[in-house]
C-alpha atoms as a PDB file:
ATOM      1  CA  MET A   1     136.692 128.159  76.603  1.00  0.00           C
ATOM      2  CA  ARG A   2     139.070 127.327  73.615  1.00  0.00           C
ATOM      3  CA  VAL A   3     137.116 126.663  70.784  1.00  0.00           C
ATOM      4  CA  PRO A   4     138.326 123.355  69.088  1.00  0.00           C
ATOM      5  CA  ARG A   5     140.000 123.454  65.811  1.00  0.00           C
ATOM      6  CA  LEU A   6     140.259 121.257  62.886  1.00  0.00           C
ATOM      7  CA  PHE A   7     143.595 120.515  60.997  1.00  0.00           C
ATOM      8  CA  HIS A   8     144.013 118.554  57.914  1.00  0.00           C
ATOM      9  CA  ASP A   9     146.793 116.454  56.642  1.00  0.00           C
ATOM     10  CA  ALA A  10     146.469 116.872  52.737  1.00  0.00           C
ATOM     11  CA  LEU A  11     149.143 114.253  52.078  1.00  0.00           C
ATOM     12  CA  VAL A  12     147.159 111.256  53.549  1.00  0.00           C
ATOM     13  CA  ALA A  13     143.522 112.971  53.490  1.00  0.00           C
ATOM     14  CA  ARG A  14     143.633 112.800  57.562  1.00  0.00           C
ATOM     15  CA  PRO A  15     141.778 115.228  59.497  1.00  0.00           C
ATOM     16  CA  VAL A  16     142.823 116.047  63.188  1.00  0.00           C
ATOM     17  CA  PHE A  17     140.723 117.554  65.654  1.00  0.00           C
ATOM     18  CA  VAL A  18     142.555 119.507  68.187  1.00  0.00           C
ATOM     19  CA  ALA A  19     140.717 120.266  71.732  1.00  0.00           C
ATOM     20  CA  PRO A  20     142.763 121.794  74.411  1.00  0.00           C
ATOM     21  CA  ASP A  21     140.081 121.769  77.183  1.00  0.00           C
ATOM     22  CA  ARG A  22     139.766 118.045  76.762  1.00  0.00           C
ATOM     23  CA  ALA A  23     142.743 117.513  78.861  1.00  0.00           C
ATOM     24  CA  GLY A  24     140.743 118.886  81.806  1.00  0.00           C
ATOM     25  CA  ARG A  25     138.188 116.045  81.677  1.00  0.00           C
ATOM     26  CA  PRO A  26     137.422 114.140  85.078  1.00  0.00           C
ATOM     27  CA  GLY A  27     138.529 110.660  85.289  1.00  0.00           C
ATOM     28  CA  ASP A  28     137.822 107.238  86.941  1.00  0.00           C
ATOM     29  CA  PHE A  29     140.674 104.977  86.008  1.00  0.00           C
ATOM     30  CA  GLY A  30     143.896 104.716  88.114  1.00  0.00           C
ATOM     31  CA  ASP A  31     142.015 106.001  91.186  1.00  0.00           C
ATOM     32  CA  ALA A  32     142.309 103.047  93.681  1.00  0.00           C
ATOM     33  CA  ALA A  33     140.303 104.902  96.520  1.00  0.00           C
ATOM     34  CA  PHE A  34     137.190 104.977  94.009  1.00  0.00           C
ATOM     35  CA  PRO A  35     137.166 101.965  91.684  1.00  0.00           C
ATOM     36  CA  LEU A  36     134.079 103.032  90.341  1.00  0.00           C
ATOM     37  CA  GLY A  37     134.605 106.998  90.617  1.00  0.00           C
ATOM     38  CA  GLY A  38     132.037 107.043  93.372  1.00  0.00           C
ATOM     39  CA  PRO A  39     128.423 108.014  92.840  1.00  0.00           C
ATOM     40  CA  ALA A  40     128.587 111.015  94.942  1.00  0.00           C
ATOM     41  CA  ARG A  41     130.910 112.657  92.540  1.00  0.00           C
ATOM     42  CA  CYS A  42     129.927 111.089  89.379  1.00  0.00           C
ATOM     43  CA  PRO A  43     128.388 113.473  86.962  1.00  0.00           C
ATOM     44  CA  PHE A  44     126.160 110.755  85.479  1.00  0.00           C
ATOM     45  CA  CYS A  45     124.326 109.531  88.495  1.00  0.00           C
ATOM     46  CA  ALA A  46     120.973 110.609  89.140  1.00  0.00           C
ATOM     47  CA  GLY A  47     120.997 113.836  91.632  1.00  0.00           C
ATOM     48  CA  ASN A  48     124.000 114.920  90.230  1.00  0.00           C
ATOM     49  CA  GLU A  49     122.331 116.529  87.157  1.00  0.00           C
ATOM     50  CA  SER A  50     123.952 119.975  88.120  1.00  0.00           C
ATOM     51  CA  LEU A  51     127.169 118.944  87.128  1.00  0.00           C
ATOM     52  CA  THR A  52     126.546 118.147  83.750  1.00  0.00           C
ATOM     53  CA  PRO A  53     125.345 120.770  81.029  1.00  0.00           C
ATOM     54  CA  PRO A  54     121.521 121.033  80.428  1.00  0.00           C
ATOM     55  CA  GLU A  55     119.796 118.187  78.904  1.00  0.00           C
ATOM     56  CA  VAL A  56     118.827 117.821  75.192  1.00  0.00           C
ATOM     57  CA  LEU A  57     116.686 114.876  75.202  1.00  0.00           C
ATOM     58  CA  ARG A  58     115.663 112.342  78.076  1.00  0.00           C
ATOM     59  CA  ALA A  59     113.540 109.347  78.706  1.00  0.00           C
ATOM     60  CA  PRO A  60     111.011 109.407  79.859  1.00  0.00           C
ATOM     61  CA  PRO A  61     110.296 113.141  78.968  1.00  0.00           C
ATOM     62  CA  ALA A  62     110.530 115.597  81.697  1.00  0.00           C
ATOM     63  CA  ASP A  63     107.295 116.304  83.574  1.00  0.00           C
ATOM     64  CA  CYS A  64     107.104 119.865  84.676  1.00  0.00           C
ATOM     65  CA  ARG A  65     105.047 119.158  87.551  1.00  0.00           C
ATOM     66  CA  LEU A  66     107.633 117.222  89.246  1.00  0.00           C
ATOM     67  CA  PRO A  67     110.899 118.629  91.105  1.00  0.00           C
ATOM     68  CA  GLY A  68     113.753 118.209  88.413  1.00  0.00           C
ATOM     69  CA  GLY A  69     111.434 117.296  85.948  1.00  0.00           C
ATOM     70  CA  GLY A  70     111.015 113.879  87.582  1.00  0.00           C
ATOM     71  CA  PRO A  71     113.222 110.612  87.495  1.00  0.00           C
ATOM     72  CA  TRP A  72     114.732 109.635  84.302  1.00  0.00           C
ATOM     73  CA  ARG A  73     116.405 106.332  82.638  1.00  0.00           C
ATOM     74  CA  SER A  74     118.432 107.688  80.159  1.00  0.00           C
ATOM     75  CA  ARG A  75     119.429 111.327  79.155  1.00  0.00           C
ATOM     76  CA  ILE A  76     121.431 113.341  76.582  1.00  0.00           C
ATOM     77  CA  VAL A  77     123.521 116.285  77.387  1.00  0.00           C
ATOM     78  CA  ARG A  78     125.916 118.382  75.627  1.00  0.00           C
ATOM     79  CA  ASN A  79     129.553 117.422  76.009  1.00  0.00           C
ATOM     80  CA  GLN A  80     131.318 119.536  78.642  1.00  0.00           C
ATOM     81  CA  PHE A  81     134.427 118.904  77.082  1.00  0.00           C
ATOM     82  CA  PRO A  82     133.697 118.714  73.168  1.00  0.00           C
ATOM     83  CA  PHE A  83     136.090 118.244  70.413  1.00  0.00           C
ATOM     84  CA  VAL A  84     133.607 119.863  67.977  1.00  0.00           C
ATOM     85  CA  HIS A  85     131.993 123.257  68.450  1.00  0.00           C
ATOM     86  CA  ASP A  86     128.496 124.642  67.613  1.00  0.00           C
ATOM     87  CA  ALA A  87     128.683 126.737  64.788  1.00  0.00           C
ATOM     88  CA  ALA A  88     126.682 129.655  66.450  1.00  0.00           C
ATOM     89  CA  GLU A  89     128.803 129.284  69.425  1.00  0.00           C
ATOM     90  CA  SER A  90     132.020 129.600  67.549  1.00  0.00           C
ATOM     91  CA  GLU A  91     130.798 132.693  65.818  1.00  0.00           C
ATOM     92  CA  LEU A  92     129.740 134.185  69.256  1.00  0.00           C
ATOM     93  CA  ALA A  93     133.420 133.524  70.179  1.00  0.00           C
ATOM     94  CA  GLY A  94     134.789 135.294  67.285  1.00  0.00           C
ATOM     95  CA  GLU A  95     135.599 132.219  65.109  1.00  0.00           C
ATOM     96  CA  SER A  96     134.692 132.653  61.525  1.00  0.00           C
ATOM     97  CA  ARG A  97     133.222 129.767  59.545  1.00  0.00           C
ATOM     98  CA  GLY A  98     135.682 129.901  56.904  1.00  0.00           C
ATOM     99  CA  GLY A  99     138.322 129.432  59.807  1.00  0.00           C
ATOM    100  CA  LEU A 100     141.328 131.865  60.674  1.00  0.00           C
ATOM    101  CA  ALA A 101     144.821 130.794  61.962  1.00  0.00           C
ATOM    102  CA  PRO A 102     144.376 130.592  65.711  1.00  0.00           C
ATOM    103  CA  ALA A 103     146.840 132.838  67.456  1.00  0.00           C
ATOM    104  CA  GLU A 104     148.344 129.699  69.067  1.00  0.00           C
ATOM    105  CA  ASP A 105     149.432 128.395  65.808  1.00  0.00           C
ATOM    106  CA  GLY A 106     153.318 128.485  65.761  1.00  0.00           C
ATOM    107  CA  PRO A 107     155.499 129.171  63.025  1.00  0.00           C
ATOM    108  CA  GLY A 108     155.194 126.308  60.245  1.00  0.00           C
ATOM    109  CA  CYS A 109     151.875 125.197  61.636  1.00  0.00           C
ATOM    110  CA  ALA A 110     149.134 124.616  59.019  1.00  0.00           C
ATOM    111  CA  PRO A 111     146.446 127.157  59.809  1.00  0.00           C
ATOM    112  CA  GLY A 112     143.163 125.295  61.404  1.00  0.00           C
ATOM    113  CA  ARG A 113     139.902 126.171  61.264  1.00  0.00           C
ATOM    114  CA  PRO A 114     136.835 125.851  63.830  1.00  0.00           C
ATOM    115  CA  ALA A 115     135.821 122.403  64.057  1.00  0.00           C
ATOM    116  CA  LEU A 116     132.116 122.629  63.704  1.00  0.00           C
ATOM    117  CA  GLY A 117     129.808 120.000  64.763  1.00  0.00           C
ATOM    118  CA  VAL A 118     127.609 118.758  67.787  1.00  0.00           C
ATOM    119  CA  HIS A 119     129.246 116.769  70.776  1.00  0.00           C
ATOM    120  CA  ASP A 120     126.612 115.044  72.982  1.00  0.00           C
ATOM    121  CA  VAL A 121     126.743 112.481  75.737  1.00  0.00           C
ATOM    122  CA  VAL A 122     124.172 109.787  76.028  1.00  0.00           C
ATOM    123  CA  VAL A 123     124.019 108.543  79.902  1.00  0.00           C
ATOM    124  CA  GLU A 124     122.467 105.274  79.496  1.00  0.00           C
ATOM    125  CA  SER A 125     121.483 104.644  83.190  1.00  0.00           C
ATOM    126  CA  PRO A 126     120.872 106.781  86.254  1.00  0.00           C
ATOM    127  CA  HIS A 127     122.693 104.028  88.288  1.00  0.00           C
ATOM    128  CA  HIS A 128     126.408 103.863  88.783  1.00  0.00           C
ATOM    129  CA  ILE A 129     126.934 100.940  86.742  1.00  0.00           C
ATOM    130  CA  ALA A 130     130.065  99.977  84.378  1.00  0.00           C
ATOM    131  CA  SER A 131     128.574  97.521  82.128  1.00  0.00           C
ATOM    132  CA  ILE A 132     125.510  97.826  79.854  1.00  0.00           C
ATOM    133  CA  THR A 133     124.530  94.022  80.941  1.00  0.00           C
ATOM    134  CA  ALA A 134     123.356  95.448  84.493  1.00  0.00           C
ATOM    135  CA  ILE A 135     120.870  97.705  82.523  1.00  0.00           C
ATOM    136  CA  ASP A 136     117.258  95.949  82.280  1.00  0.00           C
ATOM    137  CA  PRO A 137     116.286  95.512  78.666  1.00  0.00           C
ATOM    138  CA  PRO A 138     113.616  97.735  78.519  1.00  0.00           C
ATOM    139  CA  GLY A 139     115.829 100.691  79.626  1.00  0.00           C
ATOM    140  CA  TRP A 140     118.334  99.726  77.172  1.00  0.00           C
ATOM    141  CA  ARG A 141     115.930  99.747  74.458  1.00  0.00           C
ATOM    142  CA  GLU A 142     114.791 103.085  75.565  1.00  0.00           C
ATOM    143  CA  ALA A 143     118.469 104.510  75.413  1.00  0.00           C
ATOM    144  CA  TRP A 144     118.780 103.242  71.659  1.00  0.00           C
ATOM    145  CA  LEU A 145     115.309 104.919  70.871  1.00  0.00           C
ATOM    146  CA  LEU A 146     116.838 108.516  72.536  1.00  0.00           C
ATOM    147  CA  CYS A 147     119.960 108.188  70.313  1.00  0.00           C
ATOM    148  CA  GLN A 148     117.893 107.565  67.048  1.00  0.00           C
ATOM    149  CA  GLU A 149     115.618 110.705  68.077  1.00  0.00           C
ATOM    150  CA  ARG A 150     118.806 112.776  68.345  1.00  0.00           C
ATOM    151  CA  LEU A 151     120.043 111.563  65.124  1.00  0.00           C
ATOM    152  CA  ARG A 152     116.773 112.496  63.617  1.00  0.00           C
ATOM    153  CA  LEU A 153     116.931 116.120  64.613  1.00  0.00           C
ATOM    154  CA  LEU A 154     120.704 116.251  63.548  1.00  0.00           C
ATOM    155  CA  ALA A 155     119.561 114.945  60.079  1.00  0.00           C
ATOM    156  CA  ALA A 156     117.400 117.932  59.746  1.00  0.00           C
ATOM    157  CA  ASP A 157     120.354 120.402  60.754  1.00  0.00           C
ATOM    158  CA  ALA A 158     121.798 121.678  57.409  1.00  0.00           C
ATOM    159  CA  SER A 159     125.132 122.578  59.309  1.00  0.00           C
ATOM    160  CA  ILE A 160     125.897 118.994  59.957  1.00  0.00           C
ATOM    161  CA  ALA A 161     127.184 116.841  57.279  1.00  0.00           C
ATOM    162  CA  TRP A 162     127.185 113.323  59.029  1.00  0.00           C
ATOM    163  CA  ALA A 163     126.712 111.867  62.309  1.00  0.00           C
ATOM    164  CA  THR A 164     127.449 108.796  64.559  1.00  0.00           C
ATOM    165  CA  VAL A 165     126.631 107.135  68.038  1.00  0.00           C
ATOM    166  CA  PHE A 166     130.093 105.561  69.517  1.00  0.00           C
ATOM    167  CA  LYS A 167     130.958 103.961  72.987  1.00  0.00           C
ATOM    168  CA  ASN A 168     134.226 103.629  74.689  1.00  0.00           C
ATOM    169  CA  SER A 169     134.093 101.069  77.441  1.00  0.00           C
ATOM    170  CA  GLY A 170     136.817 100.634  79.781  1.00  0.00           C
ATOM    171  CA  ALA A 171     140.355 102.155  79.962  1.00  0.00           C
ATOM    172  CA  ALA A 172     141.904 100.623  77.028  1.00  0.00           C
ATOM    173  CA  ALA A 173     138.992 101.782  74.885  1.00  0.00           C
ATOM    174  CA  GLY A 174     139.789 105.305  75.731  1.00  0.00           C
ATOM    175  CA  ALA A 175     136.682 105.885  78.344  1.00  0.00           C
ATOM    176  CA  SER A 176     137.504 108.509  81.182  1.00  0.00           C
ATOM    177  CA  LEU A 177     134.411 107.479  83.252  1.00  0.00           C
ATOM    178  CA  VAL A 178     133.037 104.146  84.095  1.00  0.00           C
ATOM    179  CA  HIS A 179     129.478 104.848  84.401  1.00  0.00           C
ATOM    180  CA  VAL A 180     127.517 103.505  81.124  1.00  0.00           C
ATOM    181  CA  HIS A 181     127.524 106.238  78.769  1.00  0.00           C
ATOM    182  CA  SER A 182     128.143 106.823  74.725  1.00  0.00           C
ATOM    183  CA  GLN A 183     128.422 109.596  72.761  1.00  0.00           C
ATOM    184  CA  ILE A 184     126.904 111.188  69.760  1.00  0.00           C
ATOM    185  CA  VAL A 185     128.980 113.384  67.384  1.00  0.00           C
ATOM    186  CA  GLY A 186     127.696 115.330  64.350  1.00  0.00           C
ATOM    187  CA  LEU A 187     130.354 116.714  61.831  1.00  0.00           C
ATOM    188  CA  ALA A 188     130.486 119.304  59.505  1.00  0.00           C
ATOM    189  CA  ILE A 189     132.715 117.197  57.205  1.00  0.00           C
ATOM    190  CA  VAL A 190     132.407 113.545  55.925  1.00  0.00           C
ATOM    191  CA  PRO A 191     135.077 111.279  57.659  1.00  0.00           C
ATOM    192  CA  PRO A 192     137.677 109.690  55.087  1.00  0.00           C
ATOM    193  CA  VAL A 193     136.412 106.161  56.179  1.00  0.00           C
ATOM    194  CA  ILE A 194     132.958 106.885  55.483  1.00  0.00           C
ATOM    195  CA  GLN A 195     134.034 108.414  51.899  1.00  0.00           C
ATOM    196  CA  ALA A 196     136.077 105.281  51.479  1.00  0.00           C
ATOM    197  CA  GLU A 197     133.021 103.091  52.321  1.00  0.00           C
ATOM    198  CA  LEU A 198     130.901 105.084  49.898  1.00  0.00           C
ATOM    199  CA  ALA A 199     133.475 104.811  47.161  1.00  0.00           C
ATOM    200  CA  ALA A 200     134.149 100.902  47.657  1.00  0.00           C
ATOM    201  CA  ALA A 201     130.486 100.167  47.456  1.00  0.00           C
ATOM    202  CA  SER A 202     130.313 102.241  44.167  1.00  0.00           C
ATOM    203  CA  LEU A 203     133.139 100.559  42.185  1.00  0.00           C
ATOM    204  CA  PRO A 204     131.979  98.647  38.893  1.00  0.00           C
ATOM    205  CA  HIS A 205     133.215  95.210  40.217  1.00  0.00           C
ATOM    206  CA  ALA A 206     131.197  95.749  43.507  1.00  0.00           C
ATOM    207  CA  ALA A 207     128.412  93.392  44.331  1.00  0.00           C
ATOM    208  CA  ALA A 208     125.069  94.802  43.294  1.00  0.00           C
ATOM    209  CA  ASP A 209     124.565  95.009  46.967  1.00  0.00           C
ATOM    210  CA  PRO A 210     127.709  94.634  48.837  1.00  0.00           C
ATOM    211  CA  PHE A 211     126.072  94.641  52.400  1.00  0.00           C
ATOM    212  CA  THR A 212     123.698  91.794  51.371  1.00  0.00           C
ATOM    213  CA  ALA A 213     126.949  90.126  49.867  1.00  0.00           C
ATOM    214  CA  LEU A 214     128.427  90.500  53.205  1.00  0.00           C
ATOM    215  CA  ILE A 215     125.666  88.942  54.998  1.00  0.00           C
ATOM    216  CA  ASP A 216     125.422  85.722  52.574  1.00  0.00           C
ATOM    217  CA  GLU A 217     129.180  85.402  52.631  1.00  0.00           C
ATOM    218  CA  ALA A 218     129.200  85.400  56.410  1.00  0.00           C
ATOM    219  CA  ALA A 219     126.445  82.501  56.591  1.00  0.00           C
ATOM    220  CA  ALA A 220     128.402  80.606  54.115  1.00  0.00           C
ATOM    221  CA  ALA A 221     131.851  80.913  56.051  1.00  0.00           C
ATOM    222  CA  GLY A 222     129.832  80.281  59.299  1.00  0.00           C
ATOM    223  CA  ARG A 223     130.499  83.800  60.809  1.00  0.00           C
ATOM    224  CA  ILE A 224     127.203  84.502  61.767  1.00  0.00           C
ATOM    225  CA  VAL A 225     126.945  85.107  65.616  1.00  0.00           C
ATOM    226  CA  ALA A 226     123.275  85.800  65.978  1.00  0.00           C
ATOM    227  CA  GLU A 227     120.104  86.959  63.965  1.00  0.00           C
ATOM    228  CA  SER A 228     117.096  88.755  65.378  1.00  0.00           C
ATOM    229  CA  ALA A 229     113.243  87.999  64.263  1.00  0.00           C
ATOM    230  CA  ALA A 230     113.277  91.540  63.313  1.00  0.00           C
ATOM    231  CA  GLY A 231     116.032  91.040  60.507  1.00  0.00           C
ATOM    232  CA  LEU A 232     119.247  92.342  61.984  1.00  0.00           C
ATOM    233  CA  VAL A 233     122.124  90.141  61.784  1.00  0.00           C
ATOM    234  CA  ALA A 234     125.319  90.173  64.118  1.00  0.00           C
ATOM    235  CA  LEU A 235     128.257  88.770  62.243  1.00  0.00           C
ATOM    236  CA  VAL A 236     132.099  88.466  62.242  1.00  0.00           C
ATOM    237  CA  PRO A 237     133.508  90.507  59.282  1.00  0.00           C
ATOM    238  CA  PRO A 238     135.580  89.003  56.933  1.00  0.00           C
ATOM    239  CA  ALA A 239     139.029  90.736  57.910  1.00  0.00           C
ATOM    240  CA  PRO A 240     138.242  91.771  61.640  1.00  0.00           C
ATOM    241  CA  ARG A 241     140.814  93.789  63.183  1.00  0.00           C
ATOM    242  CA  GLN A 242     140.599  92.566  66.784  1.00  0.00           C
ATOM    243  CA  PRO A 243     139.223  89.206  68.156  1.00  0.00           C
ATOM    244  CA  PHE A 244     135.902  88.912  68.545  1.00  0.00           C
ATOM    245  CA  GLU A 245     134.996  91.934  66.298  1.00  0.00           C
ATOM    246  CA  THR A 246     131.555  91.906  65.312  1.00  0.00           C
ATOM    247  CA  TRP A 247     129.276  93.971  63.059  1.00  0.00           C
ATOM    248  CA  ILE A 248     125.443  94.431  63.309  1.00  0.00           C
ATOM    249  CA  LEU A 249     123.501  95.448  60.241  1.00  0.00           C
ATOM    250  CA  PRO A 250     119.808  94.921  58.839  1.00  0.00           C
ATOM    251  CA  ARG A 251     119.025  92.686  55.992  1.00  0.00           C
ATOM    252  CA  GLU A 252     116.864  95.415  54.329  1.00  0.00           C
ATOM    253  CA  PRO A 253     118.776  98.378  52.836  1.00  0.00           C
ATOM    254  CA  VAL A 254     118.206 101.331  55.268  1.00  0.00           C
ATOM    255  CA  ALA A 255     120.610 103.721  54.746  1.00  0.00           C
ATOM    256  CA  PHE A 256     119.980 106.153  57.863  1.00  0.00           C
ATOM    257  CA  PHE A 257     119.691 104.739  61.313  1.00  0.00           C
ATOM    258  CA  SER A 258     117.457 107.568  61.992  1.00  0.00           C
ATOM    259  CA  GLU A 259     115.062 105.947  59.572  1.00  0.00           C
ATOM    260  CA  ALA A 260     115.415 102.388  61.268  1.00  0.00           C
ATOM    261  CA  ALA A 261     112.001 100.822  62.197  1.00  0.00           C
ATOM    262  CA  GLY A 262     111.035 100.538  65.970  1.00  0.00           C
ATOM    263  CA  ALA A 263     111.565  96.930  65.863  1.00  0.00           C
ATOM    264  CA  HIS A 264     115.282  96.991  64.633  1.00  0.00           C
ATOM    265  CA  VAL A 265     116.193  99.832  67.309  1.00  0.00           C
ATOM    266  CA  ALA A 266     114.986  97.407  69.871  1.00  0.00           C
ATOM    267  CA  SER A 267     116.658  94.317  68.245  1.00  0.00           C
ATOM    268  CA  LEU A 268     120.191  96.453  68.183  1.00  0.00           C
ATOM    269  CA  ALA A 269     119.360  97.016  71.696  1.00  0.00           C
ATOM    270  CA  ASP A 270     118.958  93.273  72.343  1.00  0.00           C
ATOM    271  CA  LEU A 271     122.009  92.209  70.184  1.00  0.00           C
ATOM    272  CA  THR A 272     124.505  94.694  71.633  1.00  0.00           C
ATOM    273  CA  GLN A 273     123.386  93.520  75.135  1.00  0.00           C
ATOM    274  CA  SER A 274     123.655  90.013  74.218  1.00  0.00           C
ATOM    275  CA  TYR A 275     127.123  90.244  72.343  1.00  0.00           C
ATOM    276  CA  ILE A 276     128.565  92.202  75.235  1.00  0.00           C
ATOM    277  CA  GLY A 277     127.512  89.517  78.010  1.00  0.00           C
ATOM    278  CA  ARG A 278     129.063  86.709  75.471  1.00  0.00           C
ATOM    279  CA  LEU A 279     132.232  89.070  75.258  1.00  0.00           C
ATOM    280  CA  GLU A 280     132.307  89.340  79.164  1.00  0.00           C
ATOM    281  CA  SER A 281     132.405  85.253  79.405  1.00  0.00           C
ATOM    282  CA  LEU A 282     134.979  84.960  77.183  1.00  0.00           C
ATOM    283  CA  VAL A 283     137.362  87.796  78.060  1.00  0.00           C
ATOM    284  CA  PRO A 284     136.403  89.027  81.346  1.00  0.00           C
ATOM    285  CA  GLY A 285     136.988  92.828  81.744  1.00  0.00           C
ATOM    286  CA  ALA A 286     137.669  93.496  78.083  1.00  0.00           C
ATOM    287  CA  SER A 287     137.368  96.966  76.983  1.00  0.00           C
ATOM    288  CA  TYR A 288     135.942  97.315  73.722  1.00  0.00           C
ATOM    289  CA  ASN A 289     134.617 100.375  71.211  1.00  0.00           C
ATOM    290  CA  TRP A 290     131.727 100.650  68.931  1.00  0.00           C
ATOM    291  CA  TRP A 291     130.642 103.029  66.393  1.00  0.00           C
ATOM    292  CA  LEU A 292     127.777 103.659  63.970  1.00  0.00           C
ATOM    293  CA  HIS A 293     128.330 103.886  60.286  1.00  0.00           C
ATOM    294  CA  GLN A 294     125.903 105.625  57.983  1.00  0.00           C
ATOM    295  CA  PRO A 295     126.310 107.847  54.868  1.00  0.00           C
ATOM    296  CA  PRO A 296     126.120 111.717  54.889  1.00  0.00           C
ATOM    297  CA  PHE A 297     123.024 113.164  55.394  1.00  0.00           C
ATOM    298  CA  PRO A 298     121.268 114.325  52.099  1.00  0.00           C
ATOM    299  CA  SER A 299     121.130 118.081  50.951  1.00  0.00           C
ATOM    300  CA  PRO A 300     118.548 119.875  50.952  1.00  0.00           C
ATOM    301  CA  ARG A 301     117.287 118.910  54.339  1.00  0.00           C
ATOM    302  CA  PRO A 302     113.929 117.719  55.018  1.00  0.00           C
ATOM    303  CA  ARG A 303     112.112 119.617  57.811  1.00  0.00           C
ATOM    304  CA  ALA A 304     112.508 118.809  61.162  1.00  0.00           C
ATOM    305  CA  GLY A 305     110.227 115.564  62.178  1.00  0.00           C
ATOM    306  CA  THR A 306     110.483 114.000  58.830  1.00  0.00           C
ATOM    307  CA  ALA A 307     112.773 111.012  57.764  1.00  0.00           C
ATOM    308  CA  ALA A 308     115.909 111.938  55.622  1.00  0.00           C
ATOM    309  CA  SER A 309     115.920 110.008  52.579  1.00  0.00           C
ATOM    310  CA  GLY A 310     119.390 109.341  51.049  1.00  0.00           C
ATOM    311  CA  PRO A 311     119.945 110.137  47.381  1.00  0.00           C
ATOM    312  CA  SER A 312     119.710 108.016  44.731  1.00  0.00           C
ATOM    313  CA  ASP A 313     123.244 107.368  44.124  1.00  0.00           C
ATOM    314  CA  ARG A 314     123.640 105.585  47.459  1.00  0.00           C
ATOM    315  CA  PRO A 315     120.905 102.836  47.266  1.00  0.00           C
ATOM    316  CA  ARG A 316     123.411  99.935  48.215  1.00  0.00           C
ATOM    317  CA  TYR A 317     124.634 101.509  51.421  1.00  0.00           C
ATOM    318  CA  ARG A 318     123.014 100.800  54.975  1.00  0.00           C
ATOM    319  CA  TRP A 319     123.854 101.544  58.354  1.00  0.00           C
ATOM    320  CA  HIS A 320     125.572  99.334  60.521  1.00  0.00           C
ATOM    321  CA  LEU A 321     127.231  99.088  64.008  1.00  0.00           C
ATOM    322  CA  GLU A 322     130.743  97.796  64.370  1.00  0.00           C
ATOM    323  CA  ILE A 323     131.965  96.671  67.716  1.00  0.00           C
ATOM    324  CA  VAL A 324     135.668  96.167  68.320  1.00  0.00           C
ATOM    325  CA  PRO A 325     137.234  94.627  71.358  1.00  0.00           C
ATOM    326  CA  ARG A 326     140.534  96.112  72.600  1.00  0.00           C
ATOM    327  CA  ILE A 327     142.277  92.562  73.100  1.00  0.00           C
ATOM    328  CA  ASN A 328     145.342  93.019  70.980  1.00  0.00           C
ATOM    329  CA  GLY A 329     147.219  96.269  71.503  1.00  0.00           C
ATOM    330  CA  LEU A 330     147.668  98.694  68.700  1.00  0.00           C
ATOM    331  CA  ALA A 331     151.485  99.079  68.119  1.00  0.00           C
ATOM    332  CA  GLY A 332     153.909 100.690  65.685  1.00  0.00           C
ATOM    333  CA  PHE A 333     152.870  98.504  62.689  1.00  0.00           C
ATOM    334  CA  GLU A 334     149.252  98.936  62.963  1.00  0.00           C
ATOM    335  CA  LEU A 335     149.528 103.019  63.576  1.00  0.00           C
ATOM    336  CA  GLY A 336     151.909 103.391  61.000  1.00  0.00           C
ATOM    337  CA  THR A 337     150.526 101.303  58.294  1.00  0.00           C
ATOM    338  CA  GLY A 338     146.739 101.278  58.798  1.00  0.00           C
ATOM    339  CA  CYS A 339     147.180  97.455  58.526  1.00  0.00           C
ATOM    340  CA  HIS A 340     145.888  95.214  61.648  1.00  0.00           C
ATOM    341  CA  VAL A 341     147.465  91.942  63.060  1.00  0.00           C
ATOM    342  CA  SER A 342     145.108  89.772  64.832  1.00  0.00           C
ATOM    343  CA  THR A 343     145.598  86.385  66.735  1.00  0.00           C
ATOM    344  CA  HIS A 344     142.131  84.644  65.907  1.00  0.00           C
ATOM    345  CA  LEU A 345     140.371  83.386  62.699  1.00  0.00           C
ATOM    346  CA  PRO A 346     137.284  85.009  61.915  1.00  0.00           C
ATOM    347  CA  GLU A 347     135.458  81.762  61.915  1.00  0.00           C
ATOM    348  CA  ASP A 348     136.972  80.704  65.260  1.00  0.00           C
ATOM    349  CA  CYS A 349     135.837  83.864  66.672  1.00  0.00           C
ATOM    350  CA  ALA A 350     132.341  83.448  65.534  1.00  0.00           C
ATOM    351  CA  THR A 351     132.062  79.881  66.780  1.00  0.00           C
ATOM    352  CA  GLN A 352     133.397  81.065  70.300  1.00  0.00           C
ATOM    353  CA  LEU A 353     130.980  83.916  70.452  1.00  0.00           C
ATOM    354  CA  ARG A 354     127.898  81.733  69.416  1.00  0.00           C
ATOM    355  CA  GLY A 355     128.837  79.413  72.219  1.00  0.00           C
ATOM    356  CA  ALA A 356     129.466  81.698  74.894  1.00  0.00           C
ATOM    357  CA  GLY A 357     127.137  81.984  77.629  1.00  0.00           C
ATOM    358  CA  SER A 358     125.889  85.604  78.250  1.00  0.00           C
ATOM    359  CA  ARG A 359     126.826  86.999  81.853  1.00  0.00           C
ATOM    360  CA  ARG A 360     123.153  88.752  81.971  1.00  0.00           C
END
């Protein structure tokens, strides 16, 4: 295995992860003979557990009295084709934490260093299904609770600076397998986009609580899509990058998803499932991505099993999930400038999403 490496473009403060082994990932899309990949060869289907690395977590927990630990409804495994590598494994492979230029770096290439972190796959159902709307609600809530438990463990790992949950659904969103799954990545660095959000929230002219202001402005402009009794809000942001982009966040200021109340985790599961049902009714077959934003983990770390409280200089930041459908393609202008061109007004997107019937 070639250890993934991290390169950095200092001119634009852009990190790039290079993981050559990911070119060998299996893929479903474009195979007409197996439109869903086929349960017999799908590494995420029940009965094919030997095709994945060992489990990190599972729900329900394994029962040692039953073959294979018994049936499962969701499980987290290490990614077989990671773009970051465990620090201990990197040292075993002869990579130093400081990072030396790899032998394959050619003349003129900036030296890379080992890309350290954790990269997991969350298999959200034992059944060979492509849409989260096909998962029963209790099972879908259980999958989110499993993600929260994994993030709680990463929050106690001093080698991890920041972590996220993200989903690629559909070929246009970068998915390689159709079986419902998400990914969890813990990094030894803090991504520039998170640093930018923290900086923006700390500007002197920023609202006392920018996330409360975000919710209040969305309510005034008619951009609230849905709200749960537990206090989570789904809204169309003021500058959506794609039609029907939606963010989900709590009304109360909780910085880390690992600290979210159980009712919030269940509400997030319900709101994401409802949203995808509405999106599928508006744009059948739409691909989409989502990702969890939260601040860097604090230092020093709490003991494993205890909550990670954010530092006092980040009271205004709170976790949120950004869901971005892949409806308009990203072309030269978007990729070259970081600016986006959409075709729908934010308030129109919210109106259509509120009126859409779920396909569940």
